[in-house]
């Protein structure tokens, strides 16, 4: 039994990760600004603390062997486009203090959740859309705010790995989705937002979709994500590695899938003036397969159906589903 800290255990991926680790017999301390929104945490200890404070980080990492650092100020494209200053500042503070505390307290391994937002815009334009390899991150031109913070933090983790005894593992997440995630309020990602909009739409009603619908992405189901996190943590690979699906779909396709799952006939209306991020983004999983002998297996349609059913049930409970 390892003594594990999950930082960001009140969030979507962190909560699923705690469940995954507990099912495998690990001892887990969770820490976050808030408890999980939709169900109680299974963590052995759950501390409500602010990881921007270095003294807090030193306290929560005491007696810990492994740290999974998923704590972050983040959200969907609308949120990270609007609050770049706060997002960058908060996340740099969290990562710097977690790292220094882990080093100070003799933690053995630290996992850092980076993002596909580190990849440069010039690799994701309409005329040059192709699966993103890990080495494509340089020369750098990541997304403003959140992307620059993630790329800087990757280097910070690298330096600690090179100059201390910490074993560092870094994964670049590609659009993680699934049940128990935020689906309203501005921080939700595209799959959850579309599930909410379709679930609340009247039959033959209108569903607004941000962008022109032609922007492309790949989406990773949360069960595959947490399995991948633990596999990467326990591997010998020390460089940043993609953790995502390599199946790319356009947002119009994604919206149509959700509508089909709902069984409702709705009209999709595209809003090209709303934030939509880069033109195309997709994970190249070649290195993931080579390093782990594994890759995500959940089909997008299967993950979407589970996510839609859960969001529909939540909205029904509140009298908002149609």
C-alpha atoms as a PDB file:
ATOM      1  CA  UNK A   1       0.000   0.000   0.000  1.00  0.00           C
ATOM      2  CA  UNK A   2       1.467   3.324  -1.074  1.00  0.00           C
ATOM      3  CA  UNK A   3       0.729   6.603   0.690  1.00  0.00           C
ATOM      4  CA  UNK A   4      -0.548   8.822  -2.108  1.00  0.00           C
ATOM      5  CA  UNK A   5      -1.582  12.466  -2.351  1.00  0.00           C
ATOM      6  CA  UNK A   6      -4.055  13.489  -5.060  1.00  0.00           C
ATOM      7  CA  UNK A   7      -3.907  17.274  -5.418  1.00  0.00           C
ATOM      8  CA  UNK A   8      -7.110  18.493  -7.036  1.00  0.00           C
ATOM      9  CA  UNK A   9      -9.117  15.592  -5.583  1.00  0.00           C
ATOM     10  CA  UNK A  10     -12.279  17.681  -5.539  1.00  0.00           C
ATOM     11  CA  UNK A  11     -12.174  18.118  -9.301  1.00  0.00           C
ATOM     12  CA  UNK A  12     -13.446  15.917 -12.101  1.00  0.00           C
ATOM     13  CA  UNK A  13     -10.343  13.894 -13.011  1.00  0.00           C
ATOM     14  CA  UNK A  14      -8.939  13.993  -9.478  1.00  0.00           C
ATOM     15  CA  UNK A  15     -12.128  12.489  -8.028  1.00  0.00           C
ATOM     16  CA  UNK A  16     -12.105   9.659 -10.584  1.00  0.00           C
ATOM     17  CA  UNK A  17      -8.405   9.079  -9.855  1.00  0.00           C
ATOM     18  CA  UNK A  18      -9.060   8.761  -6.112  1.00  0.00           C
ATOM     19  CA  UNK A  19     -11.739   6.142  -6.863  1.00  0.00           C
ATOM     20  CA  UNK A  20      -9.344   4.232  -9.162  1.00  0.00           C
ATOM     21  CA  UNK A  21      -6.543   4.203  -6.572  1.00  0.00           C
ATOM     22  CA  UNK A  22      -8.832   3.174  -3.693  1.00  0.00           C
ATOM     23  CA  UNK A  23     -10.231   0.297  -5.755  1.00  0.00           C
ATOM     24  CA  UNK A  24      -6.633  -0.953  -5.990  1.00  0.00           C
ATOM     25  CA  UNK A  25      -5.993  -0.821  -2.264  1.00  0.00           C
ATOM     26  CA  UNK A  26      -3.919   2.370  -2.018  1.00  0.00           C
ATOM     27  CA  UNK A  27      -4.003   4.822   0.903  1.00  0.00           C
ATOM     28  CA  UNK A  28      -5.044   8.215  -0.465  1.00  0.00           C
ATOM     29  CA  UNK A  29      -5.059  11.754   0.898  1.00  0.00           C
ATOM     30  CA  UNK A  30      -7.074  14.167  -1.202  1.00  0.00           C
ATOM     31  CA  UNK A  31      -6.662  17.938  -1.112  1.00  0.00           C
ATOM     32  CA  UNK A  32      -8.578  20.714  -2.854  1.00  0.00           C
ATOM     33  CA  UNK A  33     -10.363  24.009  -2.281  1.00  0.00           C
ATOM     34  CA  UNK A  34     -13.638  22.070  -2.336  1.00  0.00           C
ATOM     35  CA  UNK A  35     -15.006  18.571  -1.972  1.00  0.00           C
ATOM     36  CA  UNK A  36     -16.282  16.659  -5.039  1.00  0.00           C
ATOM     37  CA  UNK A  37     -19.541  18.186  -6.224  1.00  0.00           C
ATOM     38  CA  UNK A  38     -21.627  15.132  -7.069  1.00  0.00           C
ATOM     39  CA  UNK A  39     -20.641  12.343  -4.662  1.00  0.00           C
ATOM     40  CA  UNK A  40     -18.503  11.913  -1.520  1.00  0.00           C
ATOM     41  CA  UNK A  41     -14.792  11.260  -1.902  1.00  0.00           C
ATOM     42  CA  UNK A  42     -13.443   7.800  -1.066  1.00  0.00           C
ATOM     43  CA  UNK A  43     -10.110   9.269   0.042  1.00  0.00           C
ATOM     44  CA  UNK A  44      -8.835   8.111   3.440  1.00  0.00           C
ATOM     45  CA  UNK A  45      -8.291  11.775   4.279  1.00  0.00           C
ATOM     46  CA  UNK A  46      -9.704  14.824   2.500  1.00  0.00           C
ATOM     47  CA  UNK A  47      -8.207  18.201   3.335  1.00  0.00           C
ATOM     48  CA  UNK A  48      -9.766  21.505   2.300  1.00  0.00           C
ATOM     49  CA  UNK A  49      -6.699  23.642   1.605  1.00  0.00           C
ATOM     50  CA  UNK A  50      -5.322  26.196  -0.856  1.00  0.00           C
ATOM     51  CA  UNK A  51      -2.277  24.810  -2.680  1.00  0.00           C
ATOM     52  CA  UNK A  52      -1.188  28.298  -3.734  1.00  0.00           C
ATOM     53  CA  UNK A  53       0.181  28.537  -0.179  1.00  0.00           C
ATOM     54  CA  UNK A  54       3.631  26.931   0.201  1.00  0.00           C
ATOM     55  CA  UNK A  55       3.104  26.190   3.922  1.00  0.00           C
ATOM     56  CA  UNK A  56      -0.048  24.236   3.020  1.00  0.00           C
ATOM     57  CA  UNK A  57       1.850  22.244   0.387  1.00  0.00           C
ATOM     58  CA  UNK A  58       4.541  21.311   2.897  1.00  0.00           C
ATOM     59  CA  UNK A  59       1.881  20.130   5.322  1.00  0.00           C
ATOM     60  CA  UNK A  60      -0.157  18.004   2.892  1.00  0.00           C
ATOM     61  CA  UNK A  61       2.927  16.270   1.406  1.00  0.00           C
ATOM     62  CA  UNK A  62       4.244  15.058   4.788  1.00  0.00           C
ATOM     63  CA  UNK A  63       4.449  11.274   4.950  1.00  0.00           C
ATOM     64  CA  UNK A  64       3.573  10.922   1.245  1.00  0.00           C
ATOM     65  CA  UNK A  65       5.355   8.669  -1.265  1.00  0.00           C
ATOM     66  CA  UNK A  66       3.603   9.694  -4.507  1.00  0.00           C
ATOM     67  CA  UNK A  67       1.946  12.957  -5.531  1.00  0.00           C
ATOM     68  CA  UNK A  68      -0.538  13.197  -8.388  1.00  0.00           C
ATOM     69  CA  UNK A  69      -0.643  16.945  -9.113  1.00  0.00           C
ATOM     70  CA  UNK A  70      -3.940  17.624 -10.899  1.00  0.00           C
ATOM     71  CA  UNK A  71      -4.858  20.809  -9.018  1.00  0.00           C
ATOM     72  CA  UNK A  72      -5.410  23.712 -11.422  1.00  0.00           C
ATOM     73  CA  UNK A  73      -7.494  26.783 -12.114  1.00  0.00           C
ATOM     74  CA  UNK A  74      -9.015  25.833 -15.454  1.00  0.00           C
ATOM     75  CA  UNK A  75     -12.158  25.299 -17.494  1.00  0.00           C
ATOM     76  CA  UNK A  76     -13.469  25.304 -21.038  1.00  0.00           C
ATOM     77  CA  UNK A  77     -12.292  27.577 -23.842  1.00  0.00           C
ATOM     78  CA  UNK A  78     -14.560  30.418 -22.741  1.00  0.00           C
ATOM     79  CA  UNK A  79     -13.113  30.438 -19.218  1.00  0.00           C
ATOM     80  CA  UNK A  80      -9.406  30.110 -20.024  1.00  0.00           C
ATOM     81  CA  UNK A  81      -9.702  32.728 -22.787  1.00  0.00           C
ATOM     82  CA  UNK A  82     -11.235  35.258 -20.415  1.00  0.00           C
ATOM     83  CA  UNK A  83      -9.182  34.790 -17.234  1.00  0.00           C
ATOM     84  CA  UNK A  84      -5.617  34.358 -18.512  1.00  0.00           C
ATOM     85  CA  UNK A  85      -3.930  36.404 -15.756  1.00  0.00           C
ATOM     86  CA  UNK A  86      -5.637  34.559 -12.891  1.00  0.00           C
ATOM     87  CA  UNK A  87      -5.269  31.126 -14.474  1.00  0.00           C
ATOM     88  CA  UNK A  88      -1.543  31.566 -15.173  1.00  0.00           C
ATOM     89  CA  UNK A  89      -0.755  33.068 -11.759  1.00  0.00           C
ATOM     90  CA  UNK A  90      -2.732  30.536  -9.723  1.00  0.00           C
ATOM     91  CA  UNK A  91      -1.359  27.516 -11.554  1.00  0.00           C
ATOM     92  CA  UNK A  92       2.277  28.644 -11.453  1.00  0.00           C
ATOM     93  CA  UNK A  93       1.986  29.134  -7.685  1.00  0.00           C
ATOM     94  CA  UNK A  94       0.375  25.706  -7.190  1.00  0.00           C
ATOM     95  CA  UNK A  95       3.003  23.870  -9.221  1.00  0.00           C
ATOM     96  CA  UNK A  96       6.013  25.670  -7.777  1.00  0.00           C
ATOM     97  CA  UNK A  97       4.877  25.097  -4.199  1.00  0.00           C
ATOM     98  CA  UNK A  98       3.823  21.469  -4.683  1.00  0.00           C
ATOM     99  CA  UNK A  99       7.194  20.666  -6.254  1.00  0.00           C
ATOM    100  CA  UNK A 100       9.272  22.368  -3.575  1.00  0.00           C
ATOM    101  CA  UNK A 101       7.206  20.749  -0.813  1.00  0.00           C
ATOM    102  CA  UNK A 102       7.530  17.310  -2.409  1.00  0.00           C
ATOM    103  CA  UNK A 103      11.303  17.758  -2.605  1.00  0.00           C
ATOM    104  CA  UNK A 104      11.493  19.064   0.978  1.00  0.00           C
ATOM    105  CA  UNK A 105       9.465  16.124   2.360  1.00  0.00           C
ATOM    106  CA  UNK A 106      11.254  13.345   0.463  1.00  0.00           C
ATOM    107  CA  UNK A 107       8.399  12.340  -1.863  1.00  0.00           C
ATOM    108  CA  UNK A 108       9.520   9.661  -4.329  1.00  0.00           C
ATOM    109  CA  UNK A 109       7.394  10.391  -7.442  1.00  0.00           C
ATOM    110  CA  UNK A 110       5.364  13.332  -8.729  1.00  0.00           C
ATOM    111  CA  UNK A 111       2.919  13.212 -11.639  1.00  0.00           C
ATOM    112  CA  UNK A 112       2.028  16.487 -13.376  1.00  0.00           C
ATOM    113  CA  UNK A 113      -1.101  16.900 -15.496  1.00  0.00           C
ATOM    114  CA  UNK A 114      -0.090  19.055 -18.454  1.00  0.00           C
ATOM    115  CA  UNK A 115      -2.280  19.777 -21.463  1.00  0.00           C
ATOM    116  CA  UNK A 116      -2.482  19.647 -25.241  1.00  0.00           C
ATOM    117  CA  UNK A 117      -2.784  23.438 -24.950  1.00  0.00           C
ATOM    118  CA  UNK A 118       1.044  23.503 -24.890  1.00  0.00           C
ATOM    119  CA  UNK A 119       1.142  22.715 -28.611  1.00  0.00           C
ATOM    120  CA  UNK A 120       1.822  25.652 -30.942  1.00  0.00           C
ATOM    121  CA  UNK A 121      -0.923  27.333 -32.919  1.00  0.00           C
ATOM    122  CA  UNK A 122       1.043  26.975 -36.172  1.00  0.00           C
ATOM    123  CA  UNK A 123       0.686  23.164 -35.868  1.00  0.00           C
ATOM    124  CA  UNK A 124      -3.089  23.429 -35.515  1.00  0.00           C
ATOM    125  CA  UNK A 125      -4.179  25.602 -38.419  1.00  0.00           C
ATOM    126  CA  UNK A 126      -6.591  24.425 -41.084  1.00  0.00           C
ATOM    127  CA  UNK A 127      -3.882  23.940 -43.712  1.00  0.00           C
ATOM    128  CA  UNK A 128      -1.651  21.858 -41.404  1.00  0.00           C
ATOM    129  CA  UNK A 129      -3.878  19.755 -39.121  1.00  0.00           C
ATOM    130  CA  UNK A 130      -2.249  16.444 -38.210  1.00  0.00           C
ATOM    131  CA  UNK A 131      -1.779  14.357 -35.065  1.00  0.00           C
ATOM    132  CA  UNK A 132       0.455  16.167 -32.584  1.00  0.00           C
ATOM    133  CA  UNK A 133       3.702  14.449 -31.581  1.00  0.00           C
ATOM    134  CA  UNK A 134       5.367  15.297 -28.272  1.00  0.00           C
ATOM    135  CA  UNK A 135       8.308  16.997 -30.011  1.00  0.00           C
ATOM    136  CA  UNK A 136       5.894  19.352 -31.837  1.00  0.00           C
ATOM    137  CA  UNK A 137       5.689  21.528 -28.695  1.00  0.00           C
ATOM    138  CA  UNK A 138       8.796  23.397 -29.859  1.00  0.00           C
ATOM    139  CA  UNK A 139       9.431  25.994 -31.249  1.00  0.00           C
ATOM    140  CA  UNK A 140       6.877  27.224 -28.735  1.00  0.00           C
ATOM    141  CA  UNK A 141       3.629  29.060 -29.487  1.00  0.00           C
ATOM    142  CA  UNK A 142       1.128  27.575 -26.989  1.00  0.00           C
ATOM    143  CA  UNK A 143      -2.309  28.954 -26.176  1.00  0.00           C
ATOM    144  CA  UNK A 144      -2.190  32.243 -24.313  1.00  0.00           C
ATOM    145  CA  UNK A 145      -2.430  32.038 -20.538  1.00  0.00           C
ATOM    146  CA  UNK A 146      -3.244  28.421 -19.747  1.00  0.00           C
ATOM    147  CA  UNK A 147      -1.027  26.950 -22.479  1.00  0.00           C
ATOM    148  CA  UNK A 148       2.019  29.082 -21.603  1.00  0.00           C
ATOM    149  CA  UNK A 149       1.613  28.224 -17.920  1.00  0.00           C
ATOM    150  CA  UNK A 150       1.490  24.493 -18.682  1.00  0.00           C
ATOM    151  CA  UNK A 151       4.575  24.667 -20.909  1.00  0.00           C
ATOM    152  CA  UNK A 152       6.539  26.640 -18.308  1.00  0.00           C
ATOM    153  CA  UNK A 153       5.452  24.220 -15.588  1.00  0.00           C
ATOM    154  CA  UNK A 154       6.639  21.261 -17.685  1.00  0.00           C
ATOM    155  CA  UNK A 155      10.116  22.822 -17.658  1.00  0.00           C
ATOM    156  CA  UNK A 156       9.915  23.452 -13.917  1.00  0.00           C
ATOM    157  CA  UNK A 157       9.085  19.776 -13.323  1.00  0.00           C
ATOM    158  CA  UNK A 158      11.931  18.809 -15.664  1.00  0.00           C
ATOM    159  CA  UNK A 159      14.439  20.861 -13.647  1.00  0.00           C
ATOM    160  CA  UNK A 160      13.344  19.268 -10.376  1.00  0.00           C
ATOM    161  CA  UNK A 161      13.667  15.842 -11.984  1.00  0.00           C
ATOM    162  CA  UNK A 162      17.192  16.640 -13.177  1.00  0.00           C
ATOM    163  CA  UNK A 163      18.495  18.359 -10.038  1.00  0.00           C
ATOM    164  CA  UNK A 164      16.797  16.436  -7.193  1.00  0.00           C
ATOM    165  CA  UNK A 165      15.902  12.847  -6.350  1.00  0.00           C
ATOM    166  CA  UNK A 166      12.260  13.341  -7.407  1.00  0.00           C
ATOM    167  CA  UNK A 167      11.039  11.006 -10.141  1.00  0.00           C
ATOM    168  CA  UNK A 168       8.905  13.189 -12.412  1.00  0.00           C
ATOM    169  CA  UNK A 169       6.178  12.014 -14.786  1.00  0.00           C
ATOM    170  CA  UNK A 170       4.255  14.359 -17.116  1.00  0.00           C
ATOM    171  CA  UNK A 171       1.215  13.660 -19.315  1.00  0.00           C
ATOM    172  CA  UNK A 172      -0.399  16.038 -21.798  1.00  0.00           C
ATOM    173  CA  UNK A 173      -4.167  15.563 -21.517  1.00  0.00           C
ATOM    174  CA  UNK A 174      -6.341  15.850 -24.630  1.00  0.00           C
ATOM    175  CA  UNK A 175      -9.954  16.910 -23.833  1.00  0.00           C
ATOM    176  CA  UNK A 176     -10.992  14.594 -21.008  1.00  0.00           C
ATOM    177  CA  UNK A 177     -14.736  14.043 -20.499  1.00  0.00           C
ATOM    178  CA  UNK A 178     -17.187  11.783 -18.674  1.00  0.00           C
ATOM    179  CA  UNK A 179     -19.728  11.596 -15.831  1.00  0.00           C
ATOM    180  CA  UNK A 180     -19.267  13.556 -12.590  1.00  0.00           C
ATOM    181  CA  UNK A 181     -17.730  16.502 -14.433  1.00  0.00           C
ATOM    182  CA  UNK A 182     -18.772  20.151 -14.528  1.00  0.00           C
ATOM    183  CA  UNK A 183     -21.533  20.642 -17.086  1.00  0.00           C
ATOM    184  CA  UNK A 184     -22.603  24.251 -16.500  1.00  0.00           C
ATOM    185  CA  UNK A 185     -21.362  27.574 -15.157  1.00  0.00           C
ATOM    186  CA  UNK A 186     -18.658  28.416 -17.714  1.00  0.00           C
ATOM    187  CA  UNK A 187     -15.914  25.936 -16.797  1.00  0.00           C
ATOM    188  CA  UNK A 188     -17.418  22.955 -18.659  1.00  0.00           C
ATOM    189  CA  UNK A 189     -15.754  21.415 -21.723  1.00  0.00           C
ATOM    190  CA  UNK A 190     -17.419  20.921 -25.112  1.00  0.00           C
ATOM    191  CA  UNK A 191     -18.850  17.373 -24.591  1.00  0.00           C
ATOM    192  CA  UNK A 192     -20.484  18.303 -21.271  1.00  0.00           C
ATOM    193  CA  UNK A 193     -21.773  21.624 -22.617  1.00  0.00           C
ATOM    194  CA  UNK A 194     -23.356  19.927 -25.627  1.00  0.00           C
ATOM    195  CA  UNK A 195     -24.882  17.191 -23.471  1.00  0.00           C
ATOM    196  CA  UNK A 196     -26.428  19.848 -21.225  1.00  0.00           C
ATOM    197  CA  UNK A 197     -27.780  21.907 -24.121  1.00  0.00           C
ATOM    198  CA  UNK A 198     -29.313  18.898 -25.870  1.00  0.00           C
ATOM    199  CA  UNK A 199     -30.762  17.510 -22.622  1.00  0.00           C
ATOM    200  CA  UNK A 200     -32.452  20.856 -21.908  1.00  0.00           C
ATOM    201  CA  UNK A 201     -33.696  21.429 -25.467  1.00  0.00           C
ATOM    202  CA  UNK A 202     -37.310  20.841 -26.399  1.00  0.00           C
ATOM    203  CA  UNK A 203     -37.920  18.289 -29.177  1.00  0.00           C
ATOM    204  CA  UNK A 204     -37.317  20.109 -32.476  1.00  0.00           C
ATOM    205  CA  UNK A 205     -35.746  22.910 -30.462  1.00  0.00           C
ATOM    206  CA  UNK A 206     -32.554  24.857 -31.169  1.00  0.00           C
ATOM    207  CA  UNK A 207     -29.134  23.894 -29.759  1.00  0.00           C
ATOM    208  CA  UNK A 208     -26.418  26.565 -30.001  1.00  0.00           C
ATOM    209  CA  UNK A 209     -22.906  25.279 -30.751  1.00  0.00           C
ATOM    210  CA  UNK A 210     -19.847  27.499 -30.299  1.00  0.00           C
ATOM    211  CA  UNK A 211     -17.799  27.978 -33.472  1.00  0.00           C
ATOM    212  CA  UNK A 212     -18.657  27.088 -37.044  1.00  0.00           C
ATOM    213  CA  UNK A 213     -18.674  23.353 -36.257  1.00  0.00           C
ATOM    214  CA  UNK A 214     -15.675  22.590 -38.460  1.00  0.00           C
ATOM    215  CA  UNK A 215     -13.048  22.872 -35.730  1.00  0.00           C
ATOM    216  CA  UNK A 216     -11.699  19.409 -34.852  1.00  0.00           C
ATOM    217  CA  UNK A 217     -10.660  17.686 -31.621  1.00  0.00           C
ATOM    218  CA  UNK A 218     -10.084  14.268 -30.082  1.00  0.00           C
ATOM    219  CA  UNK A 219     -11.769  13.370 -26.781  1.00  0.00           C
ATOM    220  CA  UNK A 220     -10.537  11.074 -24.002  1.00  0.00           C
ATOM    221  CA  UNK A 221     -12.988   9.243 -21.730  1.00  0.00           C
ATOM    222  CA  UNK A 222     -12.159   9.715 -18.055  1.00  0.00           C
ATOM    223  CA  UNK A 223     -11.810   5.977 -17.220  1.00  0.00           C
ATOM    224  CA  UNK A 224      -9.066   5.697 -19.847  1.00  0.00           C
ATOM    225  CA  UNK A 225      -7.505   8.892 -18.531  1.00  0.00           C
ATOM    226  CA  UNK A 226      -7.081   7.713 -14.941  1.00  0.00           C
ATOM    227  CA  UNK A 227      -5.759   4.315 -16.024  1.00  0.00           C
ATOM    228  CA  UNK A 228      -3.275   6.077 -18.274  1.00  0.00           C
ATOM    229  CA  UNK A 229      -2.202   8.407 -15.457  1.00  0.00           C
ATOM    230  CA  UNK A 230      -1.322   5.516 -13.152  1.00  0.00           C
ATOM    231  CA  UNK A 231       0.411   3.564 -15.928  1.00  0.00           C
ATOM    232  CA  UNK A 232       2.535   6.611 -16.782  1.00  0.00           C
ATOM    233  CA  UNK A 233       3.334   7.255 -13.106  1.00  0.00           C
ATOM    234  CA  UNK A 234       4.591   3.678 -12.650  1.00  0.00           C
ATOM    235  CA  UNK A 235       6.539   3.644 -15.947  1.00  0.00           C
ATOM    236  CA  UNK A 236      10.195   4.549 -16.452  1.00  0.00           C
ATOM    237  CA  UNK A 237       9.397   7.269 -19.027  1.00  0.00           C
ATOM    238  CA  UNK A 238      10.616  10.696 -17.900  1.00  0.00           C
ATOM    239  CA  UNK A 239       9.589  13.029 -20.741  1.00  0.00           C
ATOM    240  CA  UNK A 240       6.151  14.601 -21.356  1.00  0.00           C
ATOM    241  CA  UNK A 241       3.845  12.166 -23.149  1.00  0.00           C
ATOM    242  CA  UNK A 242       0.442  12.499 -24.829  1.00  0.00           C
ATOM    243  CA  UNK A 243      -2.556  11.008 -23.052  1.00  0.00           C
ATOM    244  CA  UNK A 244      -5.519  11.226 -25.372  1.00  0.00           C
ATOM    245  CA  UNK A 245      -7.567   9.556 -28.086  1.00  0.00           C
ATOM    246  CA  UNK A 246      -6.228   9.580 -31.615  1.00  0.00           C
ATOM    247  CA  UNK A 247      -9.706   9.705 -33.175  1.00  0.00           C
ATOM    248  CA  UNK A 248     -10.381  13.217 -34.461  1.00  0.00           C
ATOM    249  CA  UNK A 249     -13.934  14.521 -35.010  1.00  0.00           C
ATOM    250  CA  UNK A 250     -15.315  17.944 -35.876  1.00  0.00           C
ATOM    251  CA  UNK A 251     -17.525  19.714 -33.340  1.00  0.00           C
ATOM    252  CA  UNK A 252     -20.526  19.448 -35.667  1.00  0.00           C
ATOM    253  CA  UNK A 253     -20.039  15.651 -35.635  1.00  0.00           C
ATOM    254  CA  UNK A 254     -19.795  15.657 -31.852  1.00  0.00           C
ATOM    255  CA  UNK A 255     -23.012  17.664 -31.514  1.00  0.00           C
ATOM    256  CA  UNK A 256     -24.788  15.308 -33.916  1.00  0.00           C
ATOM    257  CA  UNK A 257     -23.648  12.286 -31.867  1.00  0.00           C
ATOM    258  CA  UNK A 258     -25.093  13.816 -28.695  1.00  0.00           C
ATOM    259  CA  UNK A 259     -28.369  14.617 -30.450  1.00  0.00           C
ATOM    260  CA  UNK A 260     -28.596  11.045 -31.741  1.00  0.00           C
ATOM    261  CA  UNK A 261     -27.958   9.645 -28.250  1.00  0.00           C
ATOM    262  CA  UNK A 262     -30.750  11.833 -26.873  1.00  0.00           C
ATOM    263  CA  UNK A 263     -33.269  10.446 -29.355  1.00  0.00           C
ATOM    264  CA  UNK A 264     -34.521  13.991 -29.919  1.00  0.00           C
ATOM    265  CA  UNK A 265     -34.666  15.845 -33.201  1.00  0.00           C
ATOM    266  CA  UNK A 266     -32.967  19.226 -32.645  1.00  0.00           C
ATOM    267  CA  UNK A 267     -31.655  22.002 -34.863  1.00  0.00           C
ATOM    268  CA  UNK A 268     -27.945  22.779 -34.449  1.00  0.00           C
ATOM    269  CA  UNK A 269     -27.132  26.478 -34.819  1.00  0.00           C
ATOM    270  CA  UNK A 270     -23.445  27.372 -35.054  1.00  0.00           C
ATOM    271  CA  UNK A 271     -22.087  30.578 -33.507  1.00  0.00           C
ATOM    272  CA  UNK A 272     -18.838  31.464 -35.272  1.00  0.00           C
ATOM    273  CA  UNK A 273     -18.321  34.571 -33.115  1.00  0.00           C
ATOM    274  CA  UNK A 274     -17.955  32.549 -29.884  1.00  0.00           C
ATOM    275  CA  UNK A 275     -14.568  31.270 -28.583  1.00  0.00           C
ATOM    276  CA  UNK A 276     -13.537  28.050 -30.317  1.00  0.00           C
ATOM    277  CA  UNK A 277      -9.783  27.714 -29.751  1.00  0.00           C
ATOM    278  CA  UNK A 278      -7.396  26.316 -32.338  1.00  0.00           C
ATOM    279  CA  UNK A 279      -8.692  24.984 -35.640  1.00  0.00           C
ATOM    280  CA  UNK A 280      -7.697  21.372 -35.143  1.00  0.00           C
ATOM    281  CA  UNK A 281      -6.095  19.250 -32.415  1.00  0.00           C
ATOM    282  CA  UNK A 282      -5.502  15.513 -32.250  1.00  0.00           C
ATOM    283  CA  UNK A 283      -3.224  13.241 -30.226  1.00  0.00           C
ATOM    284  CA  UNK A 284      -0.476  11.174 -31.799  1.00  0.00           C
ATOM    285  CA  UNK A 285      -0.355   8.076 -29.570  1.00  0.00           C
ATOM    286  CA  UNK A 286       2.718   6.443 -31.114  1.00  0.00           C
ATOM    287  CA  UNK A 287       4.893   7.097 -28.085  1.00  0.00           C
ATOM    288  CA  UNK A 288       2.152   6.113 -25.628  1.00  0.00           C
ATOM    289  CA  UNK A 289       1.832   2.722 -27.342  1.00  0.00           C
ATOM    290  CA  UNK A 290       5.615   2.255 -27.462  1.00  0.00           C
ATOM    291  CA  UNK A 291       6.223   3.229 -23.832  1.00  0.00           C
ATOM    292  CA  UNK A 292       3.234   1.573 -22.139  1.00  0.00           C
ATOM    293  CA  UNK A 293       2.114  -1.093 -24.615  1.00  0.00           C
ATOM    294  CA  UNK A 294      -1.329   0.417 -23.998  1.00  0.00           C
ATOM    295  CA  UNK A 295      -3.648   3.124 -25.266  1.00  0.00           C
ATOM    296  CA  UNK A 296      -7.216   4.315 -24.560  1.00  0.00           C
ATOM    297  CA  UNK A 297      -9.913   1.911 -25.710  1.00  0.00           C
ATOM    298  CA  UNK A 298     -13.290   3.537 -24.929  1.00  0.00           C
ATOM    299  CA  UNK A 299     -15.134   4.500 -28.121  1.00  0.00           C
ATOM    300  CA  UNK A 300     -16.277   8.116 -28.261  1.00  0.00           C
ATOM    301  CA  UNK A 301     -19.928   7.094 -28.740  1.00  0.00           C
ATOM    302  CA  UNK A 302     -19.811   4.864 -25.640  1.00  0.00           C
ATOM    303  CA  UNK A 303     -18.281   7.566 -23.467  1.00  0.00           C
ATOM    304  CA  UNK A 304     -20.676  10.184 -24.783  1.00  0.00           C
ATOM    305  CA  UNK A 305     -23.706   8.035 -24.036  1.00  0.00           C
ATOM    306  CA  UNK A 306     -22.599   7.484 -20.435  1.00  0.00           C
ATOM    307  CA  UNK A 307     -21.914  11.198 -20.061  1.00  0.00           C
ATOM    308  CA  UNK A 308     -25.227  12.244 -21.609  1.00  0.00           C
ATOM    309  CA  UNK A 309     -27.251   9.819 -19.459  1.00  0.00           C
ATOM    310  CA  UNK A 310     -25.573  11.110 -16.302  1.00  0.00           C
ATOM    311  CA  UNK A 311     -26.075  14.799 -17.191  1.00  0.00           C
ATOM    312  CA  UNK A 312     -29.682  14.115 -18.236  1.00  0.00           C
ATOM    313  CA  UNK A 313     -30.331  12.445 -14.876  1.00  0.00           C
ATOM    314  CA  UNK A 314     -28.805  15.397 -13.014  1.00  0.00           C
ATOM    315  CA  UNK A 315     -30.920  17.897 -14.943  1.00  0.00           C
ATOM    316  CA  UNK A 316     -34.038  15.739 -14.533  1.00  0.00           C
ATOM    317  CA  UNK A 317     -33.531  15.749 -10.789  1.00  0.00           C
ATOM    318  CA  UNK A 318     -33.656  19.543 -10.967  1.00  0.00           C
ATOM    319  CA  UNK A 319     -36.629  19.592 -13.334  1.00  0.00           C
ATOM    320  CA  UNK A 320     -34.583  21.020 -16.221  1.00  0.00           C
ATOM    321  CA  UNK A 321     -34.336  18.104 -18.681  1.00  0.00           C
ATOM    322  CA  UNK A 322     -36.759  17.826 -21.583  1.00  0.00           C
END
